[in-house]
Amino acid sequence: MTAVGKVESLWRYPVKSMRGEELQEAYAGFAGIYGDRLYAFRSSAAPTAFPWFTARENEAMLLCQPRYRERERAMKPGNLADAEAIGSGLTPVYEELSQLIVDVETPTGERLAVDDPRLISILREGVREALELTLLRSHRAMTDCRPVSIFSLQTARQLGKELGVEVDRRRFRANIYVDLDSGRGFDEDKLVGHTLLIGGRATIAVLKRDSRCKISTLDPDTAQANPEVMRQLARDHEGQAGIYAALLVEGMIRQGDEVVLLD
């Protein structure tokens, strides 16, 4: 076993393509980070393979801040301690979605329930194409490709050096930001095909590099686009930054946890 870095921060995104929230600890389950992307909006104008309405269509969506109404219920399964105490550990039971209600603060400061029809009206403002939006709910994180995304601080810094501007790591909307011991940007790419242990229990298989899209060009605080981010990734990094992973063993992850390479 070899330590490769530490967890710098943990994030989840209760509503797909809206602002994330930083966590001190997170339960990493087979379906992804607990409470991550349980809500999403489906667009009638989107292709069936990618049916989501996102900040690609309305950049202001990125400025909407979702929060769980009962935060403690949304942190981890209620029976987690009891499940882990039995034998090698049982798979815990997730909360019912009716207990994981989300409110959304809009860019103007208005606070609405995620299922309030007015929120859909706000999301459609400025979108020229005629479309219908439908709210979807799921126990499984409605991620683009894989349940968990990982990104290193060093990759954000290197990309900033290449562009000549500071690059906020939050552009890349990862679940786990890692401070790599190597100090080199894009070194997380070397973890593809390997298995990581984080926090002493959560065991993660790193599956592939993360192919980037327009969302990475958007400033997380203003939603203003900088197309040079994608151009630089395309020029020197095959359009990819960060890595995707899946859970082999569920468990809690905390800020400051050591990231250990198992194989």
C-alpha atoms as a PDB file:
ATOM      1  CA  MET A   1       0.000   0.000   0.000  1.00  0.00           C
ATOM      2  CA  THR A   2       1.287   3.444  -0.941  1.00  0.00           C
ATOM      3  CA  ALA A   3      -0.081   6.818   0.155  1.00  0.00           C
ATOM      4  CA  VAL A   4      -0.610   9.094  -2.853  1.00  0.00           C
ATOM      5  CA  GLY A   5      -2.258  12.107  -1.231  1.00  0.00           C
ATOM      6  CA  LYS A   6      -4.977  13.429   1.069  1.00  0.00           C
ATOM      7  CA  VAL A   7      -8.595  14.463   0.664  1.00  0.00           C
ATOM      8  CA  GLU A   8      -8.604  18.256   0.400  1.00  0.00           C
ATOM      9  CA  SER A   9     -12.384  18.661   0.221  1.00  0.00           C
ATOM     10  CA  LEU A  10     -15.621  16.765  -0.387  1.00  0.00           C
ATOM     11  CA  TRP A  11     -18.544  17.991  -2.470  1.00  0.00           C
ATOM     12  CA  ARG A  12     -21.984  16.933  -3.543  1.00  0.00           C
ATOM     13  CA  TYR A  13     -24.534  18.498  -5.871  1.00  0.00           C
ATOM     14  CA  PRO A  14     -28.109  17.863  -4.659  1.00  0.00           C
ATOM     15  CA  VAL A  15     -29.560  19.041  -7.991  1.00  0.00           C
ATOM     16  CA  LYS A  16     -27.730  18.145 -11.170  1.00  0.00           C
ATOM     17  CA  SER A  17     -25.978  21.190 -12.727  1.00  0.00           C
ATOM     18  CA  MET A  18     -26.733  23.489  -9.789  1.00  0.00           C
ATOM     19  CA  ARG A  19     -24.192  24.704  -7.220  1.00  0.00           C
ATOM     20  CA  GLY A  20     -22.540  22.170  -4.975  1.00  0.00           C
ATOM     21  CA  GLU A  21     -22.097  22.116  -1.224  1.00  0.00           C
ATOM     22  CA  GLU A  22     -18.846  21.374   0.589  1.00  0.00           C
ATOM     23  CA  LEU A  23     -18.985  18.656   3.249  1.00  0.00           C
ATOM     24  CA  GLN A  24     -16.728  17.821   6.177  1.00  0.00           C
ATOM     25  CA  GLU A  25     -17.583  14.159   5.695  1.00  0.00           C
ATOM     26  CA  ALA A  26     -19.539  12.112   3.179  1.00  0.00           C
ATOM     27  CA  TYR A  27     -20.846   8.584   2.878  1.00  0.00           C
ATOM     28  CA  ALA A  28     -19.542   6.999  -0.298  1.00  0.00           C
ATOM     29  CA  GLY A  29     -21.925   4.274  -1.432  1.00  0.00           C
ATOM     30  CA  PHE A  30     -22.303   2.060  -4.459  1.00  0.00           C
ATOM     31  CA  ALA A  31     -24.672   4.645  -5.981  1.00  0.00           C
ATOM     32  CA  GLY A  32     -22.251   7.527  -5.343  1.00  0.00           C
ATOM     33  CA  ILE A  33     -21.833  10.162  -2.640  1.00  0.00           C
ATOM     34  CA  TYR A  34     -24.878  10.169  -0.357  1.00  0.00           C
ATOM     35  CA  GLY A  35     -27.268  12.918  -1.436  1.00  0.00           C
ATOM     36  CA  ASP A  36     -25.407  13.660  -4.668  1.00  0.00           C
ATOM     37  CA  ARG A  37     -27.504  14.567  -7.727  1.00  0.00           C
ATOM     38  CA  LEU A  38     -30.680  12.960  -6.415  1.00  0.00           C
ATOM     39  CA  TYR A  39     -32.640  15.593  -8.327  1.00  0.00           C
ATOM     40  CA  ALA A  40     -32.366  16.589 -11.977  1.00  0.00           C
ATOM     41  CA  PHE A  41     -34.448  18.294 -14.640  1.00  0.00           C
ATOM     42  CA  ARG A  42     -35.260  16.447 -17.845  1.00  0.00           C
ATOM     43  CA  SER A  43     -35.702  18.457 -21.028  1.00  0.00           C
ATOM     44  CA  SER A  44     -38.132  17.518 -23.776  1.00  0.00           C
ATOM     45  CA  ALA A  45     -35.661  19.022 -26.280  1.00  0.00           C
ATOM     46  CA  ALA A  46     -32.677  16.918 -25.148  1.00  0.00           C
ATOM     47  CA  PRO A  47     -31.567  13.670 -26.811  1.00  0.00           C
ATOM     48  CA  THR A  48     -32.690  10.450 -25.145  1.00  0.00           C
ATOM     49  CA  ALA A  49     -29.081   9.447 -24.413  1.00  0.00           C
ATOM     50  CA  PHE A  50     -28.553  12.645 -22.396  1.00  0.00           C
ATOM     51  CA  PRO A  51     -32.009  13.902 -21.402  1.00  0.00           C
ATOM     52  CA  TRP A  52     -30.916  16.506 -18.851  1.00  0.00           C
ATOM     53  CA  PHE A  53     -31.462  20.250 -18.751  1.00  0.00           C
ATOM     54  CA  THR A  54     -28.178  21.721 -17.480  1.00  0.00           C
ATOM     55  CA  ALA A  55     -26.080  24.875 -17.367  1.00  0.00           C
ATOM     56  CA  ARG A  56     -25.139  24.132 -20.968  1.00  0.00           C
ATOM     57  CA  GLU A  57     -28.583  25.443 -21.883  1.00  0.00           C
ATOM     58  CA  ASN A  58     -28.896  28.089 -19.152  1.00  0.00           C
ATOM     59  CA  GLU A  59     -25.661  29.158 -17.466  1.00  0.00           C
ATOM     60  CA  ALA A  60     -27.600  30.815 -14.610  1.00  0.00           C
ATOM     61  CA  MET A  61     -28.610  27.352 -13.401  1.00  0.00           C
ATOM     62  CA  LEU A  62     -25.083  27.061 -12.016  1.00  0.00           C
ATOM     63  CA  LEU A  63     -25.852  29.969  -9.661  1.00  0.00           C
ATOM     64  CA  CYS A  64     -28.845  28.258  -8.040  1.00  0.00           C
ATOM     65  CA  GLN A  65     -27.948  26.904  -4.573  1.00  0.00           C
ATOM     66  CA  PRO A  66     -29.821  23.772  -3.467  1.00  0.00           C
ATOM     67  CA  ARG A  67     -29.902  22.707   0.203  1.00  0.00           C
ATOM     68  CA  TYR A  68     -31.470  19.746   1.925  1.00  0.00           C
ATOM     69  CA  ARG A  69     -34.270  20.869   4.205  1.00  0.00           C
ATOM     70  CA  GLU A  70     -33.280  18.294   6.856  1.00  0.00           C
ATOM     71  CA  ARG A  71     -29.508  18.330   6.557  1.00  0.00           C
ATOM     72  CA  GLU A  72     -28.788  15.600   9.130  1.00  0.00           C
ATOM     73  CA  ARG A  73     -30.998  13.091   7.341  1.00  0.00           C
ATOM     74  CA  ALA A  74     -29.137  13.839   4.121  1.00  0.00           C
ATOM     75  CA  MET A  75     -25.637  13.191   5.494  1.00  0.00           C
ATOM     76  CA  LYS A  76     -25.620   9.363   5.696  1.00  0.00           C
ATOM     77  CA  PRO A  77     -27.982   6.389   6.027  1.00  0.00           C
ATOM     78  CA  GLY A  78     -29.776   6.424   9.356  1.00  0.00           C
ATOM     79  CA  ASN A  79     -28.891   2.823  10.213  1.00  0.00           C
ATOM     80  CA  LEU A  80     -25.263   3.038   9.078  1.00  0.00           C
ATOM     81  CA  ALA A  81     -23.665   2.345  12.474  1.00  0.00           C
ATOM     82  CA  ASP A  82     -25.896  -0.660  13.133  1.00  0.00           C
ATOM     83  CA  ALA A  83     -25.324  -2.079   9.650  1.00  0.00           C
ATOM     84  CA  GLU A  84     -21.533  -1.774   9.887  1.00  0.00           C
ATOM     85  CA  ALA A  85     -21.523  -3.366  13.350  1.00  0.00           C
ATOM     86  CA  ILE A  86     -22.941  -6.678  12.107  1.00  0.00           C
ATOM     87  CA  GLY A  87     -20.290  -9.087  10.842  1.00  0.00           C
ATOM     88  CA  SER A  88     -18.357  -7.673   7.910  1.00  0.00           C
ATOM     89  CA  GLY A  89     -20.911  -4.887   7.565  1.00  0.00           C
ATOM     90  CA  LEU A  90     -24.326  -4.882   5.946  1.00  0.00           C
ATOM     91  CA  THR A  91     -25.443  -2.534   3.198  1.00  0.00           C
ATOM     92  CA  PRO A  92     -27.346   0.269   4.991  1.00  0.00           C
ATOM     93  CA  VAL A  93     -30.830   1.447   4.089  1.00  0.00           C
ATOM     94  CA  TYR A  94     -31.111   4.827   2.397  1.00  0.00           C
ATOM     95  CA  GLU A  95     -33.688   7.388   3.491  1.00  0.00           C
ATOM     96  CA  GLU A  96     -36.930   7.647   1.553  1.00  0.00           C
ATOM     97  CA  LEU A  97     -36.827  10.442  -1.002  1.00  0.00           C
ATOM     98  CA  SER A  98     -39.784  12.033   0.761  1.00  0.00           C
ATOM     99  CA  GLN A  99     -37.369  12.681   3.670  1.00  0.00           C
ATOM    100  CA  LEU A 100     -34.698  14.223   1.439  1.00  0.00           C
ATOM    101  CA  ILE A 101     -36.463  17.386   0.348  1.00  0.00           C
ATOM    102  CA  VAL A 102     -34.428  20.119  -1.308  1.00  0.00           C
ATOM    103  CA  ASP A 103     -34.997  23.869  -1.349  1.00  0.00           C
ATOM    104  CA  VAL A 104     -33.299  26.030  -3.980  1.00  0.00           C
ATOM    105  CA  GLU A 105     -32.088  29.587  -3.555  1.00  0.00           C
ATOM    106  CA  THR A 106     -32.239  31.340  -6.920  1.00  0.00           C
ATOM    107  CA  PRO A 107     -29.684  33.940  -8.107  1.00  0.00           C
ATOM    108  CA  THR A 108     -32.095  36.692  -7.006  1.00  0.00           C
ATOM    109  CA  GLY A 109     -32.315  35.285  -3.474  1.00  0.00           C
ATOM    110  CA  GLU A 110     -35.758  33.720  -3.796  1.00  0.00           C
ATOM    111  CA  ARG A 111     -36.090  30.392  -1.960  1.00  0.00           C
ATOM    112  CA  LEU A 112     -38.268  27.731  -3.568  1.00  0.00           C
ATOM    113  CA  ALA A 113     -38.943  24.046  -3.057  1.00  0.00           C
ATOM    114  CA  VAL A 114     -37.280  22.032  -5.812  1.00  0.00           C
ATOM    115  CA  ASP A 115     -40.717  20.900  -7.033  1.00  0.00           C
ATOM    116  CA  ASP A 116     -42.206  24.418  -7.104  1.00  0.00           C
ATOM    117  CA  PRO A 117     -43.463  25.122 -10.670  1.00  0.00           C
ATOM    118  CA  ARG A 118     -42.038  28.630 -10.375  1.00  0.00           C
ATOM    119  CA  LEU A 119     -38.523  27.163 -10.278  1.00  0.00           C
ATOM    120  CA  ILE A 120     -39.083  25.591 -13.683  1.00  0.00           C
ATOM    121  CA  SER A 121     -40.266  28.944 -14.998  1.00  0.00           C
ATOM    122  CA  ILE A 122     -37.096  30.604 -13.709  1.00  0.00           C
ATOM    123  CA  LEU A 123     -34.877  27.929 -15.283  1.00  0.00           C
ATOM    124  CA  ARG A 124     -36.550  28.436 -18.663  1.00  0.00           C
ATOM    125  CA  GLU A 125     -35.986  32.205 -18.649  1.00  0.00           C
ATOM    126  CA  GLY A 126     -33.716  33.223 -21.506  1.00  0.00           C
ATOM    127  CA  VAL A 127     -33.909  29.818 -23.213  1.00  0.00           C
ATOM    128  CA  ARG A 128     -35.066  30.413 -26.774  1.00  0.00           C
ATOM    129  CA  GLU A 129     -35.946  26.842 -27.638  1.00  0.00           C
ATOM    130  CA  ALA A 130     -39.457  25.674 -26.802  1.00  0.00           C
ATOM    131  CA  LEU A 131     -39.185  22.860 -24.290  1.00  0.00           C
ATOM    132  CA  GLU A 132     -40.810  21.254 -21.289  1.00  0.00           C
ATOM    133  CA  LEU A 133     -38.920  20.556 -18.063  1.00  0.00           C
ATOM    134  CA  THR A 134     -39.723  17.681 -15.742  1.00  0.00           C
ATOM    135  CA  LEU A 135     -38.269  17.163 -12.273  1.00  0.00           C
ATOM    136  CA  LEU A 136     -36.770  13.714 -11.714  1.00  0.00           C
ATOM    137  CA  ARG A 137     -35.889  12.132  -8.358  1.00  0.00           C
ATOM    138  CA  SER A 138     -33.694   9.082  -7.773  1.00  0.00           C
ATOM    139  CA  HIS A 139     -31.877   7.250  -4.969  1.00  0.00           C
ATOM    140  CA  ARG A 140     -29.016   6.753  -7.438  1.00  0.00           C
ATOM    141  CA  ALA A 141     -26.833   9.746  -8.205  1.00  0.00           C
ATOM    142  CA  MET A 142     -27.795  10.950 -11.686  1.00  0.00           C
ATOM    143  CA  THR A 143     -24.200  11.507 -12.752  1.00  0.00           C
ATOM    144  CA  ASP A 144     -23.055  11.762 -16.361  1.00  0.00           C
ATOM    145  CA  CYS A 145     -20.878   8.648 -16.449  1.00  0.00           C
ATOM    146  CA  ARG A 146     -19.716   7.070 -13.164  1.00  0.00           C
ATOM    147  CA  PRO A 147     -20.790   7.385  -9.497  1.00  0.00           C
ATOM    148  CA  VAL A 148     -17.780   9.309  -8.136  1.00  0.00           C
ATOM    149  CA  SER A 149     -15.480  11.943  -9.640  1.00  0.00           C
ATOM    150  CA  ILE A 150     -12.004  12.821  -8.354  1.00  0.00           C
ATOM    151  CA  PHE A 151      -9.855  15.838  -9.220  1.00  0.00           C
ATOM    152  CA  SER A 152      -6.478  17.011  -7.914  1.00  0.00           C
ATOM    153  CA  LEU A 153      -5.507  20.489  -6.777  1.00  0.00           C
ATOM    154  CA  GLN A 154      -2.338  20.105  -8.811  1.00  0.00           C
ATOM    155  CA  THR A 155      -4.288  19.658 -12.046  1.00  0.00           C
ATOM    156  CA  ALA A 156      -6.197  22.893 -11.447  1.00  0.00           C
ATOM    157  CA  ARG A 157      -2.922  24.710 -10.752  1.00  0.00           C
ATOM    158  CA  GLN A 158      -1.182  23.328 -13.829  1.00  0.00           C
ATOM    159  CA  LEU A 159      -4.079  24.243 -16.057  1.00  0.00           C
ATOM    160  CA  GLY A 160      -3.961  27.737 -14.571  1.00  0.00           C
ATOM    161  CA  LYS A 161      -0.262  28.026 -15.411  1.00  0.00           C
ATOM    162  CA  GLU A 162      -0.920  26.883 -18.962  1.00  0.00           C
ATOM    163  CA  LEU A 163      -3.688  29.466 -19.366  1.00  0.00           C
ATOM    164  CA  GLY A 164      -1.941  32.261 -17.479  1.00  0.00           C
ATOM    165  CA  VAL A 165      -4.932  32.744 -15.149  1.00  0.00           C
ATOM    166  CA  GLU A 166      -6.042  31.204 -11.871  1.00  0.00           C
ATOM    167  CA  VAL A 167      -8.361  28.244 -12.407  1.00  0.00           C
ATOM    168  CA  ASP A 168     -10.873  27.539  -9.651  1.00  0.00           C
ATOM    169  CA  ARG A 169     -11.029  23.793  -8.991  1.00  0.00           C
ATOM    170  CA  ARG A 170     -14.799  24.066  -8.522  1.00  0.00           C
ATOM    171  CA  ARG A 171     -15.195  24.436 -12.297  1.00  0.00           C
ATOM    172  CA  PHE A 172     -14.718  20.680 -12.511  1.00  0.00           C
ATOM    173  CA  ARG A 173     -17.526  19.752 -10.098  1.00  0.00           C
ATOM    174  CA  ALA A 174     -15.739  16.790  -8.528  1.00  0.00           C
ATOM    175  CA  ASN A 175     -16.930  14.870  -5.485  1.00  0.00           C
ATOM    176  CA  ILE A 176     -13.440  14.391  -4.065  1.00  0.00           C
ATOM    177  CA  TYR A 177     -10.641  16.934  -4.467  1.00  0.00           C
ATOM    178  CA  VAL A 178      -7.243  15.433  -3.669  1.00  0.00           C
ATOM    179  CA  ASP A 179      -3.929  17.039  -2.749  1.00  0.00           C
ATOM    180  CA  LEU A 180      -1.412  14.726  -4.437  1.00  0.00           C
ATOM    181  CA  ASP A 181       1.905  13.956  -2.757  1.00  0.00           C
ATOM    182  CA  SER A 182       3.648  14.021  -6.134  1.00  0.00           C
ATOM    183  CA  GLY A 183       2.829  17.720  -6.597  1.00  0.00           C
ATOM    184  CA  ARG A 184       2.311  17.172 -10.328  1.00  0.00           C
ATOM    185  CA  GLY A 185      -0.731  18.129 -12.339  1.00  0.00           C
ATOM    186  CA  PHE A 186      -2.734  15.402 -14.085  1.00  0.00           C
ATOM    187  CA  ASP A 187      -1.012  12.709 -11.994  1.00  0.00           C
ATOM    188  CA  GLU A 188      -4.422  11.328 -11.022  1.00  0.00           C
ATOM    189  CA  ASP A 189      -4.507   9.949 -14.581  1.00  0.00           C
ATOM    190  CA  LYS A 190      -1.947   7.357 -13.459  1.00  0.00           C
ATOM    191  CA  LEU A 191      -4.490   5.933 -11.015  1.00  0.00           C
ATOM    192  CA  VAL A 192      -6.801   4.676 -13.776  1.00  0.00           C
ATOM    193  CA  GLY A 193      -7.062   0.890 -13.514  1.00  0.00           C
ATOM    194  CA  HIS A 194      -6.008   0.880  -9.857  1.00  0.00           C
ATOM    195  CA  THR A 195      -7.809   0.635  -6.529  1.00  0.00           C
ATOM    196  CA  LEU A 196      -7.765   3.274  -3.782  1.00  0.00           C
ATOM    197  CA  LEU A 197      -8.538   3.101  -0.070  1.00  0.00           C
ATOM    198  CA  ILE A 198      -9.828   6.327   1.463  1.00  0.00           C
ATOM    199  CA  GLY A 199     -10.562   6.784   5.142  1.00  0.00           C
ATOM    200  CA  GLY A 200      -9.746   3.231   6.128  1.00  0.00           C
ATOM    201  CA  ARG A 201     -12.885   1.646   4.655  1.00  0.00           C
ATOM    202  CA  ALA A 202     -14.147   3.187   1.416  1.00  0.00           C
ATOM    203  CA  THR A 203     -12.516   1.265  -1.439  1.00  0.00           C
ATOM    204  CA  ILE A 204     -12.658   2.822  -4.891  1.00  0.00           C
ATOM    205  CA  ALA A 205     -11.885   1.427  -8.341  1.00  0.00           C
ATOM    206  CA  VAL A 206     -10.608   4.141 -10.686  1.00  0.00           C
ATOM    207  CA  LEU A 207     -12.176   3.483 -14.077  1.00  0.00           C
ATOM    208  CA  LYS A 208     -11.378   6.218 -16.594  1.00  0.00           C
ATOM    209  CA  ARG A 209     -10.357   9.804 -17.239  1.00  0.00           C
ATOM    210  CA  ASP A 210     -13.050  12.451 -17.250  1.00  0.00           C
ATOM    211  CA  SER A 211     -13.935  13.959 -20.643  1.00  0.00           C
ATOM    212  CA  ARG A 212     -14.843  17.607 -20.207  1.00  0.00           C
ATOM    213  CA  CYS A 213     -17.616  19.791 -21.631  1.00  0.00           C
ATOM    214  CA  LYS A 214     -18.879  23.376 -21.587  1.00  0.00           C
ATOM    215  CA  ILE A 215     -19.575  23.278 -17.828  1.00  0.00           C
ATOM    216  CA  SER A 216     -15.820  23.438 -17.142  1.00  0.00           C
ATOM    217  CA  THR A 217     -15.642  26.783 -18.943  1.00  0.00           C
ATOM    218  CA  LEU A 218     -18.132  28.415 -16.551  1.00  0.00           C
ATOM    219  CA  ASP A 219     -16.972  30.416 -13.551  1.00  0.00           C
ATOM    220  CA  PRO A 220     -18.614  28.826 -10.473  1.00  0.00           C
ATOM    221  CA  ASP A 221     -19.382  32.232  -8.926  1.00  0.00           C
ATOM    222  CA  THR A 222     -20.558  34.201 -11.966  1.00  0.00           C
ATOM    223  CA  ALA A 223     -21.377  31.556 -14.622  1.00  0.00           C
ATOM    224  CA  GLN A 224     -19.331  33.614 -17.104  1.00  0.00           C
ATOM    225  CA  ALA A 225     -17.720  31.417 -19.751  1.00  0.00           C
ATOM    226  CA  ASN A 226     -14.012  31.181 -20.560  1.00  0.00           C
ATOM    227  CA  PRO A 227     -13.816  28.986 -23.685  1.00  0.00           C
ATOM    228  CA  GLU A 228     -10.019  28.887 -23.396  1.00  0.00           C
ATOM    229  CA  VAL A 229     -10.357  26.295 -20.628  1.00  0.00           C
ATOM    230  CA  MET A 230     -11.789  23.747 -23.041  1.00  0.00           C
ATOM    231  CA  ARG A 231      -9.451  24.780 -25.845  1.00  0.00           C
ATOM    232  CA  GLN A 232      -6.428  24.190 -23.628  1.00  0.00           C
ATOM    233  CA  LEU A 233      -7.725  20.831 -22.448  1.00  0.00           C
ATOM    234  CA  ALA A 234      -8.281  19.842 -26.080  1.00  0.00           C
ATOM    235  CA  ARG A 235      -4.830  21.057 -27.162  1.00  0.00           C
ATOM    236  CA  ASP A 236      -2.717  19.384 -24.498  1.00  0.00           C
ATOM    237  CA  HIS A 237      -4.848  16.933 -22.533  1.00  0.00           C
ATOM    238  CA  GLU A 238      -7.138  15.176 -25.001  1.00  0.00           C
ATOM    239  CA  GLY A 239     -10.072  17.147 -23.624  1.00  0.00           C
ATOM    240  CA  GLN A 240      -9.835  15.328 -20.296  1.00  0.00           C
ATOM    241  CA  ALA A 241      -9.164  16.317 -16.687  1.00  0.00           C
ATOM    242  CA  GLY A 242      -9.816  14.369 -13.498  1.00  0.00           C
ATOM    243  CA  ILE A 243     -10.931  10.757 -13.105  1.00  0.00           C
ATOM    244  CA  TYR A 244     -14.080   8.695 -12.630  1.00  0.00           C
ATOM    245  CA  ALA A 245     -14.414   5.905 -10.070  1.00  0.00           C
ATOM    246  CA  ALA A 246     -16.862   3.386  -8.607  1.00  0.00           C
ATOM    247  CA  LEU A 247     -17.168   2.048  -5.069  1.00  0.00           C
ATOM    248  CA  LEU A 248     -16.117  -1.511  -4.261  1.00  0.00           C
ATOM    249  CA  VAL A 249     -16.614  -1.140  -0.491  1.00  0.00           C
ATOM    250  CA  GLU A 250     -18.880   1.557   0.955  1.00  0.00           C
ATOM    251  CA  GLY A 251     -17.751   3.821   3.780  1.00  0.00           C
ATOM    252  CA  MET A 252     -17.355   7.294   5.233  1.00  0.00           C
ATOM    253  CA  ILE A 253     -14.798   9.713   3.770  1.00  0.00           C
ATOM    254  CA  ARG A 254     -13.623  12.829   5.612  1.00  0.00           C
ATOM    255  CA  GLN A 255     -11.569  15.902   4.797  1.00  0.00           C
ATOM    256  CA  GLY A 256      -7.925  15.145   5.509  1.00  0.00           C
ATOM    257  CA  ASP A 257      -8.264  11.390   4.969  1.00  0.00           C
ATOM    258  CA  GLU A 258      -5.263   9.685   3.419  1.00  0.00           C
ATOM    259  CA  VAL A 259      -5.666   8.337  -0.102  1.00  0.00           C
ATOM    260  CA  VAL A 260      -3.854   5.013  -0.385  1.00  0.00           C
ATOM    261  CA  LEU A 261      -3.017   3.060  -3.533  1.00  0.00           C
ATOM    262  CA  LEU A 262      -3.774  -0.631  -2.896  1.00  0.00           C
ATOM    263  CA  ASP A 263      -2.354  -2.181  -6.077  1.00  0.00           C
END
